[in-house]
Amino acid sequence: MRWGTNASDVSFPHTRTKRGTNVSADNKSVVLGLWAALSKRDWEGVKGFVSDDCIYIDMPVGPGLAARGPDDIVKRLKVGLESLADYINHDGLLISDGADVMYEHSETWTWATGETATLAFVTVHKVVDGEITLWKDYWDFGGLANTAPSDWMDTLAAADTSWIYDATGQV
């Protein structure tokens, strides 16, 4: 991958018999594959990169509002991303230390009402046997809340919460 391109512009060979997708031995490729799928809001593609017991946590809200497993992780992601008019992931620094892969990047969120927010993220992943088993996003919730449409918090409060998993003590 060339730095400066968006993950969504890159295709990754990835084979996994479990869900019909390919597995790469390279943990960085697994993480970039996840982000390529997420950048396209390819929900089935996202599911193919996370393990059945993967825990996803937005760290600003804590482990009590985590999601676990592919279906619930996608439900959680859809709460924030599905209704956006546009969503762009901007690549940044990617560092790997064994199973741990850290990805510094940013995301631009654009709502149908015209508001736009560019958010800095650091995402920590644990990759085991070609699957992401832990995904922690660190970002500025206040910065997003101050930029989002005025009804954004109300929309979040009314969203499906069947995905909630309390990961307290597990991460």
N, C-alpha and C. Protein backbone atom coordinates (compact mmCIF):
# COMPACT_ATOMS: atom_id res chain seq x y z
N MET A 1 0.84 -1.18 0.00
CA MET A 1 0.00 0.00 0.00
C MET A 1 0.88 1.23 0.00
N ARG A 2 0.56 2.21 -0.79
CA ARG A 2 1.26 3.49 -0.79
C ARG A 2 0.65 4.37 0.28
N TRP A 3 1.48 4.98 1.11
CA TRP A 3 0.95 5.92 2.10
C TRP A 3 0.42 7.13 1.37
N GLY A 4 -0.64 7.68 1.88
CA GLY A 4 -1.29 8.82 1.26
C GLY A 4 -2.53 8.42 0.49
N THR A 5 -2.73 7.12 0.33
CA THR A 5 -3.97 6.66 -0.29
C THR A 5 -4.94 6.31 0.81
N ASN A 6 -6.19 6.24 0.48
CA ASN A 6 -7.19 5.84 1.46
C ASN A 6 -7.32 4.33 1.46
N ALA A 7 -7.55 3.76 2.63
CA ALA A 7 -7.72 2.31 2.73
C ALA A 7 -8.80 1.83 1.79
N SER A 8 -9.80 2.64 1.54
CA SER A 8 -10.91 2.22 0.68
C SER A 8 -10.48 2.11 -0.78
N ASP A 9 -9.33 2.69 -1.14
CA ASP A 9 -8.85 2.64 -2.51
C ASP A 9 -7.97 1.42 -2.78
N VAL A 10 -7.72 0.62 -1.77
CA VAL A 10 -6.80 -0.49 -1.88
C VAL A 10 -7.56 -1.78 -1.70
N SER A 11 -7.24 -2.77 -2.52
CA SER A 11 -7.87 -4.08 -2.31
C SER A 11 -6.84 -5.00 -1.67
N PHE A 12 -7.30 -5.88 -0.82
CA PHE A 12 -6.42 -6.77 -0.10
C PHE A 12 -6.83 -8.21 -0.36
N PRO A 13 -5.84 -9.07 -0.74
CA PRO A 13 -6.17 -10.47 -0.85
C PRO A 13 -6.41 -11.01 0.55
N HIS A 14 -7.50 -11.66 0.75
CA HIS A 14 -7.84 -12.10 2.10
C HIS A 14 -8.69 -13.37 2.01
N THR A 15 -8.18 -14.54 2.40
CA THR A 15 -8.99 -15.78 2.34
C THR A 15 -9.20 -16.39 3.69
N ARG A 16 -10.39 -16.65 3.96
CA ARG A 16 -10.73 -17.34 5.20
C ARG A 16 -11.86 -18.29 4.87
N THR A 17 -11.67 -19.55 5.18
CA THR A 17 -12.72 -20.51 4.87
C THR A 17 -13.93 -20.32 5.77
N LYS A 18 -13.70 -19.87 7.00
CA LYS A 18 -14.78 -19.73 7.96
C LYS A 18 -15.92 -18.88 7.45
N ARG A 19 -15.61 -17.73 6.88
CA ARG A 19 -16.66 -16.84 6.38
C ARG A 19 -16.53 -16.61 4.88
N GLY A 20 -15.68 -17.38 4.23
CA GLY A 20 -15.57 -17.24 2.79
C GLY A 20 -14.69 -16.10 2.34
N THR A 21 -13.89 -15.52 3.25
CA THR A 21 -12.97 -14.46 2.87
C THR A 21 -11.55 -14.97 3.07
N ASN A 22 -10.58 -14.33 2.46
CA ASN A 22 -9.18 -14.75 2.55
C ASN A 22 -8.49 -14.23 3.80
N VAL A 23 -7.53 -15.01 4.32
CA VAL A 23 -6.76 -14.58 5.48
C VAL A 23 -5.32 -14.35 5.07
N SER A 24 -4.78 -13.23 5.43
CA SER A 24 -3.37 -12.93 5.20
C SER A 24 -2.63 -13.16 6.50
N ALA A 25 -1.41 -13.68 6.40
CA ALA A 25 -0.59 -13.89 7.59
C ALA A 25 -0.09 -12.56 8.14
N ASP A 26 -0.14 -11.52 7.36
CA ASP A 26 0.36 -10.22 7.76
C ASP A 26 -0.71 -9.45 8.53
N ASN A 27 -0.48 -9.22 9.81
CA ASN A 27 -1.48 -8.55 10.65
C ASN A 27 -1.82 -7.15 10.17
N LYS A 28 -0.85 -6.45 9.61
CA LYS A 28 -1.13 -5.11 9.07
C LYS A 28 -2.14 -5.20 7.93
N SER A 29 -1.98 -6.20 7.08
CA SER A 29 -2.92 -6.36 5.96
C SER A 29 -4.32 -6.67 6.44
N VAL A 30 -4.42 -7.43 7.52
CA VAL A 30 -5.75 -7.73 8.08
C VAL A 30 -6.41 -6.44 8.54
N VAL A 31 -5.66 -5.61 9.27
CA VAL A 31 -6.21 -4.35 9.77
C VAL A 31 -6.58 -3.42 8.61
N LEU A 32 -5.71 -3.30 7.63
CA LEU A 32 -6.03 -2.43 6.50
C LEU A 32 -7.20 -2.97 5.70
N GLY A 33 -7.34 -4.28 5.64
CA GLY A 33 -8.51 -4.87 4.97
C GLY A 33 -9.80 -4.51 5.68
N LEU A 34 -9.77 -4.58 7.02
CA LEU A 34 -10.93 -4.16 7.80
C LEU A 34 -11.31 -2.73 7.48
N TRP A 35 -10.31 -1.85 7.48
CA TRP A 35 -10.59 -0.43 7.24
C TRP A 35 -11.01 -0.15 5.81
N ALA A 36 -10.53 -0.95 4.86
CA ALA A 36 -11.00 -0.81 3.48
C ALA A 36 -12.49 -1.13 3.41
N ALA A 37 -12.89 -2.21 4.08
CA ALA A 37 -14.31 -2.59 4.09
C ALA A 37 -15.14 -1.53 4.82
N LEU A 38 -14.66 -1.06 5.97
CA LEU A 38 -15.41 -0.06 6.72
C LEU A 38 -15.53 1.24 5.93
N SER A 39 -14.47 1.62 5.23
CA SER A 39 -14.50 2.85 4.43
C SER A 39 -15.59 2.82 3.38
N LYS A 40 -15.89 1.63 2.88
CA LYS A 40 -16.96 1.47 1.89
C LYS A 40 -18.31 1.21 2.56
N ARG A 41 -18.29 1.16 3.89
CA ARG A 41 -19.47 0.76 4.66
C ARG A 41 -20.00 -0.58 4.13
N ASP A 42 -19.05 -1.46 3.88
CA ASP A 42 -19.33 -2.83 3.44
C ASP A 42 -19.46 -3.66 4.71
N TRP A 43 -20.67 -3.71 5.24
CA TRP A 43 -20.89 -4.32 6.55
C TRP A 43 -20.55 -5.81 6.56
N GLU A 44 -20.89 -6.53 5.50
CA GLU A 44 -20.54 -7.96 5.43
C GLU A 44 -19.03 -8.13 5.36
N GLY A 45 -18.37 -7.24 4.64
CA GLY A 45 -16.91 -7.27 4.56
C GLY A 45 -16.27 -7.05 5.92
N VAL A 46 -16.80 -6.10 6.69
CA VAL A 46 -16.30 -5.85 8.05
C VAL A 46 -16.41 -7.12 8.89
N LYS A 47 -17.54 -7.79 8.81
CA LYS A 47 -17.75 -9.01 9.60
C LYS A 47 -16.69 -10.06 9.30
N GLY A 48 -16.21 -10.10 8.07
CA GLY A 48 -15.23 -11.09 7.67
C GLY A 48 -13.86 -10.92 8.30
N PHE A 49 -13.59 -9.78 8.90
CA PHE A 49 -12.28 -9.52 9.49
C PHE A 49 -12.25 -9.68 11.01
N VAL A 50 -13.40 -9.78 11.66
CA VAL A 50 -13.41 -9.86 13.12
C VAL A 50 -13.81 -11.26 13.57
N SER A 51 -13.21 -11.68 14.68
CA SER A 51 -13.49 -13.02 15.21
C SER A 51 -14.89 -13.07 15.83
N ASP A 52 -15.37 -14.27 16.04
CA ASP A 52 -16.71 -14.44 16.62
C ASP A 52 -16.82 -13.83 18.01
N ASP A 53 -15.69 -13.72 18.73
CA ASP A 53 -15.72 -13.15 20.07
C ASP A 53 -14.98 -11.81 20.15
N CYS A 54 -14.75 -11.18 19.01
CA CYS A 54 -14.08 -9.88 18.98
C CYS A 54 -14.86 -8.87 19.81
N ILE A 55 -14.12 -8.06 20.55
CA ILE A 55 -14.72 -6.97 21.33
C ILE A 55 -14.34 -5.65 20.66
N TYR A 56 -15.35 -4.82 20.41
CA TYR A 56 -15.15 -3.48 19.86
C TYR A 56 -15.56 -2.47 20.93
N ILE A 57 -14.68 -1.49 21.17
CA ILE A 57 -14.97 -0.47 22.18
C ILE A 57 -14.63 0.91 21.65
N ASP A 58 -15.57 1.82 21.74
CA ASP A 58 -15.29 3.24 21.58
C ASP A 58 -14.81 3.71 22.95
N MET A 59 -13.51 3.93 23.11
CA MET A 59 -12.95 4.21 24.42
C MET A 59 -13.52 5.47 25.08
N PRO A 60 -13.95 6.50 24.33
CA PRO A 60 -14.53 7.65 25.02
C PRO A 60 -15.79 7.32 25.83
N VAL A 61 -16.50 6.26 25.46
CA VAL A 61 -17.71 5.89 26.21
C VAL A 61 -17.48 4.69 27.12
N GLY A 62 -16.34 4.02 26.98
CA GLY A 62 -15.94 2.99 27.91
C GLY A 62 -16.41 1.58 27.60
N PRO A 63 -15.86 0.61 28.34
CA PRO A 63 -16.13 -0.80 28.08
C PRO A 63 -17.56 -1.24 28.40
N GLY A 64 -18.29 -0.46 29.14
CA GLY A 64 -19.68 -0.80 29.44
C GLY A 64 -20.60 -0.69 28.24
N LEU A 65 -20.13 0.00 27.20
CA LEU A 65 -20.91 0.15 25.96
C LEU A 65 -20.15 -0.44 24.77
N ALA A 66 -19.54 -1.61 25.00
CA ALA A 66 -18.82 -2.31 23.94
C ALA A 66 -19.79 -3.13 23.10
N ALA A 67 -19.26 -3.70 22.04
CA ALA A 67 -20.02 -4.67 21.22
C ALA A 67 -19.14 -5.90 21.08
N ARG A 68 -19.77 -7.06 20.93
CA ARG A 68 -19.00 -8.30 20.83
C ARG A 68 -19.54 -9.16 19.69
N GLY A 69 -18.63 -9.63 18.85
CA GLY A 69 -18.99 -10.50 17.74
C GLY A 69 -19.34 -9.70 16.49
N PRO A 70 -19.20 -10.32 15.33
CA PRO A 70 -19.38 -9.61 14.06
C PRO A 70 -20.73 -8.92 13.90
N ASP A 71 -21.81 -9.60 14.22
CA ASP A 71 -23.14 -9.00 14.01
C ASP A 71 -23.35 -7.78 14.90
N ASP A 72 -22.99 -7.89 16.17
CA ASP A 72 -23.21 -6.77 17.08
C ASP A 72 -22.23 -5.63 16.83
N ILE A 73 -21.02 -5.95 16.41
CA ILE A 73 -20.07 -4.88 16.06
C ILE A 73 -20.62 -4.07 14.89
N VAL A 74 -21.15 -4.75 13.89
CA VAL A 74 -21.73 -4.03 12.75
C VAL A 74 -22.94 -3.21 13.18
N LYS A 75 -23.79 -3.76 14.05
CA LYS A 75 -24.92 -2.96 14.56
C LYS A 75 -24.41 -1.69 15.22
N ARG A 76 -23.35 -1.82 16.01
CA ARG A 76 -22.77 -0.68 16.72
C ARG A 76 -22.22 0.34 15.73
N LEU A 77 -21.47 -0.11 14.74
CA LEU A 77 -20.90 0.79 13.75
C LEU A 77 -21.98 1.53 12.97
N LYS A 78 -23.05 0.83 12.66
CA LYS A 78 -24.15 1.45 11.90
C LYS A 78 -24.80 2.59 12.68
N VAL A 79 -24.81 2.51 14.01
CA VAL A 79 -25.40 3.59 14.81
C VAL A 79 -24.74 4.92 14.46
N GLY A 80 -23.43 4.92 14.31
CA GLY A 80 -22.74 6.17 14.01
C GLY A 80 -22.58 6.48 12.54
N LEU A 81 -22.42 5.45 11.71
CA LEU A 81 -21.99 5.69 10.34
C LEU A 81 -23.05 5.52 9.26
N GLU A 82 -24.05 4.70 9.49
CA GLU A 82 -24.97 4.35 8.41
C GLU A 82 -25.73 5.54 7.84
N SER A 83 -26.13 6.47 8.69
CA SER A 83 -26.96 7.59 8.21
C SER A 83 -26.15 8.75 7.63
N LEU A 84 -24.83 8.68 7.69
CA LEU A 84 -24.01 9.77 7.16
C LEU A 84 -24.16 9.88 5.65
N ALA A 85 -24.13 11.10 5.15
CA ALA A 85 -24.15 11.32 3.70
C ALA A 85 -22.83 10.88 3.09
N ASP A 86 -21.74 11.02 3.85
CA ASP A 86 -20.42 10.60 3.37
C ASP A 86 -19.55 10.25 4.56
N TYR A 87 -18.68 9.30 4.35
CA TYR A 87 -17.74 8.85 5.38
C TYR A 87 -16.43 8.52 4.68
N ILE A 88 -15.36 9.17 5.11
CA ILE A 88 -14.05 8.94 4.49
C ILE A 88 -13.04 8.65 5.58
N ASN A 89 -12.29 7.56 5.41
CA ASN A 89 -11.17 7.24 6.29
C ASN A 89 -9.89 7.73 5.61
N HIS A 90 -9.06 8.45 6.36
CA HIS A 90 -7.79 8.96 5.84
C HIS A 90 -6.68 8.19 6.53
N ASP A 91 -5.87 7.51 5.74
CA ASP A 91 -4.79 6.70 6.29
C ASP A 91 -3.77 7.53 7.04
N GLY A 92 -3.07 6.86 7.93
CA GLY A 92 -1.99 7.48 8.67
C GLY A 92 -0.98 6.42 9.05
N LEU A 93 -0.39 6.58 10.20
CA LEU A 93 0.66 5.70 10.68
C LEU A 93 0.09 4.35 11.09
N LEU A 94 0.75 3.28 10.67
CA LEU A 94 0.36 1.92 11.02
C LEU A 94 1.57 1.23 11.62
N ILE A 95 1.44 0.77 12.87
CA ILE A 95 2.55 0.15 13.58
C ILE A 95 2.11 -1.22 14.08
N SER A 96 2.99 -2.21 13.89
CA SER A 96 2.66 -3.57 14.32
C SER A 96 3.73 -4.07 15.28
N ASP A 97 3.31 -4.72 16.35
CA ASP A 97 4.20 -5.38 17.29
C ASP A 97 3.57 -6.73 17.60
N GLY A 98 3.92 -7.72 16.83
CA GLY A 98 3.30 -9.03 17.01
C GLY A 98 1.82 -8.97 16.69
N ALA A 99 1.01 -9.39 17.63
CA ALA A 99 -0.45 -9.41 17.43
C ALA A 99 -1.08 -8.03 17.54
N ASP A 100 -0.35 -7.06 18.08
CA ASP A 100 -0.90 -5.73 18.31
C ASP A 100 -0.60 -4.81 17.12
N VAL A 101 -1.66 -4.20 16.59
CA VAL A 101 -1.51 -3.28 15.45
C VAL A 101 -2.20 -1.97 15.82
N MET A 102 -1.42 -0.88 15.79
CA MET A 102 -1.97 0.45 16.08
C MET A 102 -2.06 1.24 14.78
N TYR A 103 -3.17 1.92 14.62
CA TYR A 103 -3.46 2.66 13.38
C TYR A 103 -3.88 4.07 13.75
N GLU A 104 -3.00 5.04 13.44
CA GLU A 104 -3.33 6.45 13.63
C GLU A 104 -3.91 6.95 12.31
N HIS A 105 -5.12 7.45 12.34
CA HIS A 105 -5.79 7.85 11.12
C HIS A 105 -6.80 8.94 11.45
N SER A 106 -7.51 9.40 10.46
CA SER A 106 -8.61 10.33 10.71
C SER A 106 -9.80 9.93 9.86
N GLU A 107 -10.95 10.40 10.26
CA GLU A 107 -12.19 10.12 9.55
C GLU A 107 -12.92 11.44 9.33
N THR A 108 -13.48 11.60 8.15
CA THR A 108 -14.33 12.75 7.87
C THR A 108 -15.76 12.26 7.78
N TRP A 109 -16.59 12.80 8.65
CA TRP A 109 -18.02 12.47 8.69
C TRP A 109 -18.78 13.66 8.11
N THR A 110 -19.69 13.39 7.18
CA THR A 110 -20.54 14.42 6.60
C THR A 110 -21.99 14.00 6.75
N TRP A 111 -22.78 14.84 7.40
CA TRP A 111 -24.20 14.56 7.60
C TRP A 111 -25.00 15.12 6.43
N ALA A 112 -26.19 14.59 6.23
CA ALA A 112 -27.07 15.04 5.15
C ALA A 112 -27.43 16.52 5.28
N THR A 113 -27.37 17.04 6.50
CA THR A 113 -27.70 18.45 6.75
C THR A 113 -26.52 19.39 6.48
N GLY A 114 -25.37 18.81 6.07
CA GLY A 114 -24.23 19.62 5.67
C GLY A 114 -23.10 19.74 6.67
N GLU A 115 -23.33 19.43 7.93
CA GLU A 115 -22.25 19.50 8.91
C GLU A 115 -21.17 18.47 8.56
N THR A 116 -19.91 18.86 8.83
CA THR A 116 -18.78 17.98 8.56
C THR A 116 -17.84 18.01 9.76
N ALA A 117 -17.33 16.84 10.13
CA ALA A 117 -16.35 16.75 11.20
C ALA A 117 -15.21 15.86 10.73
N THR A 118 -13.98 16.31 10.97
CA THR A 118 -12.82 15.46 10.73
C THR A 118 -12.25 15.11 12.10
N LEU A 119 -12.23 13.82 12.37
CA LEU A 119 -11.87 13.32 13.69
C LEU A 119 -10.55 12.58 13.65
N ALA A 120 -9.66 12.90 14.57
CA ALA A 120 -8.41 12.16 14.72
C ALA A 120 -8.68 10.91 15.54
N PHE A 121 -8.15 9.79 15.10
CA PHE A 121 -8.32 8.51 15.77
C PHE A 121 -6.98 7.83 16.00
N VAL A 122 -6.89 7.09 17.06
CA VAL A 122 -5.89 6.03 17.21
C VAL A 122 -6.70 4.78 17.51
N THR A 123 -6.47 3.76 16.71
CA THR A 123 -7.20 2.51 16.88
C THR A 123 -6.20 1.42 17.20
N VAL A 124 -6.49 0.66 18.24
CA VAL A 124 -5.65 -0.45 18.66
C VAL A 124 -6.38 -1.74 18.34
N HIS A 125 -5.70 -2.62 17.62
CA HIS A 125 -6.27 -3.91 17.23
C HIS A 125 -5.39 -5.03 17.78
N LYS A 126 -6.00 -6.13 18.10
CA LYS A 126 -5.26 -7.37 18.37
C LYS A 126 -5.69 -8.34 17.29
N VAL A 127 -4.70 -8.91 16.58
CA VAL A 127 -4.96 -9.84 15.48
C VAL A 127 -4.40 -11.20 15.85
N VAL A 128 -5.26 -12.20 15.87
CA VAL A 128 -4.86 -13.57 16.19
C VAL A 128 -5.36 -14.49 15.08
N ASP A 129 -4.44 -15.25 14.51
CA ASP A 129 -4.79 -16.20 13.44
C ASP A 129 -5.58 -15.54 12.31
N GLY A 130 -5.17 -14.34 11.93
CA GLY A 130 -5.79 -13.66 10.80
C GLY A 130 -7.12 -13.00 11.09
N GLU A 131 -7.52 -12.94 12.36
CA GLU A 131 -8.79 -12.31 12.73
C GLU A 131 -8.54 -11.25 13.80
N ILE A 132 -9.30 -10.18 13.73
CA ILE A 132 -9.21 -9.15 14.76
C ILE A 132 -10.04 -9.61 15.95
N THR A 133 -9.39 -9.70 17.12
CA THR A 133 -10.06 -10.18 18.33
C THR A 133 -10.37 -9.06 19.31
N LEU A 134 -9.73 -7.90 19.12
CA LEU A 134 -9.98 -6.73 19.95
C LEU A 134 -9.78 -5.50 19.10
N TRP A 135 -10.71 -4.53 19.24
CA TRP A 135 -10.68 -3.30 18.43
C TRP A 135 -11.10 -2.17 19.36
N LYS A 136 -10.13 -1.27 19.66
CA LYS A 136 -10.40 -0.15 20.55
C LYS A 136 -10.14 1.16 19.80
N ASP A 137 -11.16 2.00 19.71
CA ASP A 137 -11.05 3.31 19.07
C ASP A 137 -10.90 4.39 20.13
N TYR A 138 -9.85 5.21 19.98
CA TYR A 138 -9.63 6.38 20.84
C TYR A 138 -9.84 7.63 19.99
N TRP A 139 -10.76 8.50 20.41
CA TRP A 139 -11.08 9.71 19.65
C TRP A 139 -11.76 10.70 20.59
N ASP A 140 -11.99 11.91 20.10
CA ASP A 140 -12.54 13.01 20.90
C ASP A 140 -14.06 13.09 20.73
N PHE A 141 -14.79 12.52 21.68
CA PHE A 141 -16.25 12.52 21.62
C PHE A 141 -16.79 13.95 21.66
N GLY A 142 -16.21 14.80 22.50
CA GLY A 142 -16.67 16.19 22.61
C GLY A 142 -16.51 16.95 21.31
N GLY A 143 -15.41 16.72 20.61
CA GLY A 143 -15.20 17.37 19.32
C GLY A 143 -16.27 16.99 18.31
N LEU A 144 -16.65 15.72 18.33
CA LEU A 144 -17.71 15.27 17.42
C LEU A 144 -19.05 15.86 17.84
N ALA A 145 -19.35 15.80 19.12
CA ALA A 145 -20.64 16.31 19.61
C ALA A 145 -20.80 17.81 19.32
N ASN A 146 -19.70 18.55 19.36
CA ASN A 146 -19.76 20.00 19.10
C ASN A 146 -19.93 20.33 17.62
N THR A 147 -19.65 19.37 16.74
CA THR A 147 -19.73 19.60 15.30
C THR A 147 -20.97 18.98 14.68
N ALA A 148 -21.48 17.94 15.29
CA ALA A 148 -22.61 17.18 14.74
C ALA A 148 -23.89 18.03 14.70
N PRO A 149 -24.87 17.59 13.91
CA PRO A 149 -26.16 18.29 13.90
C PRO A 149 -26.76 18.35 15.31
N SER A 150 -27.60 19.33 15.53
CA SER A 150 -28.16 19.56 16.87
C SER A 150 -28.97 18.37 17.39
N ASP A 151 -29.53 17.56 16.51
CA ASP A 151 -30.33 16.41 16.96
C ASP A 151 -29.52 15.11 17.04
N TRP A 152 -28.22 15.19 16.86
CA TRP A 152 -27.38 13.99 16.81
C TRP A 152 -27.46 13.18 18.11
N MET A 153 -27.35 13.82 19.25
CA MET A 153 -27.41 13.10 20.53
C MET A 153 -28.77 12.44 20.71
N ASP A 154 -29.85 13.11 20.30
CA ASP A 154 -31.19 12.51 20.38
C ASP A 154 -31.29 11.28 19.49
N THR A 155 -30.68 11.36 18.31
CA THR A 155 -30.68 10.22 17.39
C THR A 155 -29.92 9.05 18.01
N LEU A 156 -28.78 9.32 18.63
CA LEU A 156 -28.03 8.26 19.31
C LEU A 156 -28.84 7.64 20.43
N ALA A 157 -29.51 8.47 21.19
CA ALA A 157 -30.29 7.98 22.33
C ALA A 157 -31.44 7.08 21.88
N ALA A 158 -31.95 7.28 20.68
CA ALA A 158 -33.08 6.50 20.18
C ALA A 158 -32.63 5.28 19.36
N ALA A 159 -31.33 5.10 19.19
CA ALA A 159 -30.81 4.03 18.32
C ALA A 159 -30.98 2.64 18.96
N ASP A 160 -30.92 1.62 18.12
CA ASP A 160 -30.92 0.23 18.56
C ASP A 160 -29.73 0.01 19.50
N THR A 161 -29.98 -0.54 20.66
CA THR A 161 -28.91 -0.82 21.62
C THR A 161 -28.78 -2.31 21.92
N SER A 162 -29.35 -3.14 21.07
CA SER A 162 -29.29 -4.59 21.30
C SER A 162 -27.87 -5.13 21.23
N TRP A 163 -26.95 -4.35 20.70
CA TRP A 163 -25.55 -4.74 20.55
C TRP A 163 -24.73 -4.57 21.82
N ILE A 164 -25.23 -3.88 22.81
CA ILE A 164 -24.42 -3.52 23.98
C ILE A 164 -23.91 -4.76 24.70
N TYR A 165 -22.60 -4.75 24.94
CA TYR A 165 -21.91 -5.80 25.68
C TYR A 165 -21.02 -5.12 26.71
N ASP A 166 -21.10 -5.52 27.96
CA ASP A 166 -20.28 -4.93 29.00
C ASP A 166 -18.95 -5.68 29.07
N ALA A 167 -17.90 -5.04 28.56
CA ALA A 167 -16.57 -5.65 28.53
C ALA A 167 -15.70 -5.21 29.70
N THR A 168 -16.32 -4.63 30.71
CA THR A 168 -15.57 -4.19 31.89
C THR A 168 -14.79 -5.38 32.45
N GLY A 169 -13.51 -5.16 32.71
CA GLY A 169 -12.66 -6.22 33.24
C GLY A 169 -12.07 -7.14 32.19
N GLN A 170 -12.47 -6.98 30.93
CA GLN A 170 -11.94 -7.84 29.87
C GLN A 170 -10.89 -7.15 29.01
N VAL A 171 -10.79 -5.84 29.14
CA VAL A 171 -9.82 -5.11 28.32
C VAL A 171 -8.97 -4.21 29.19
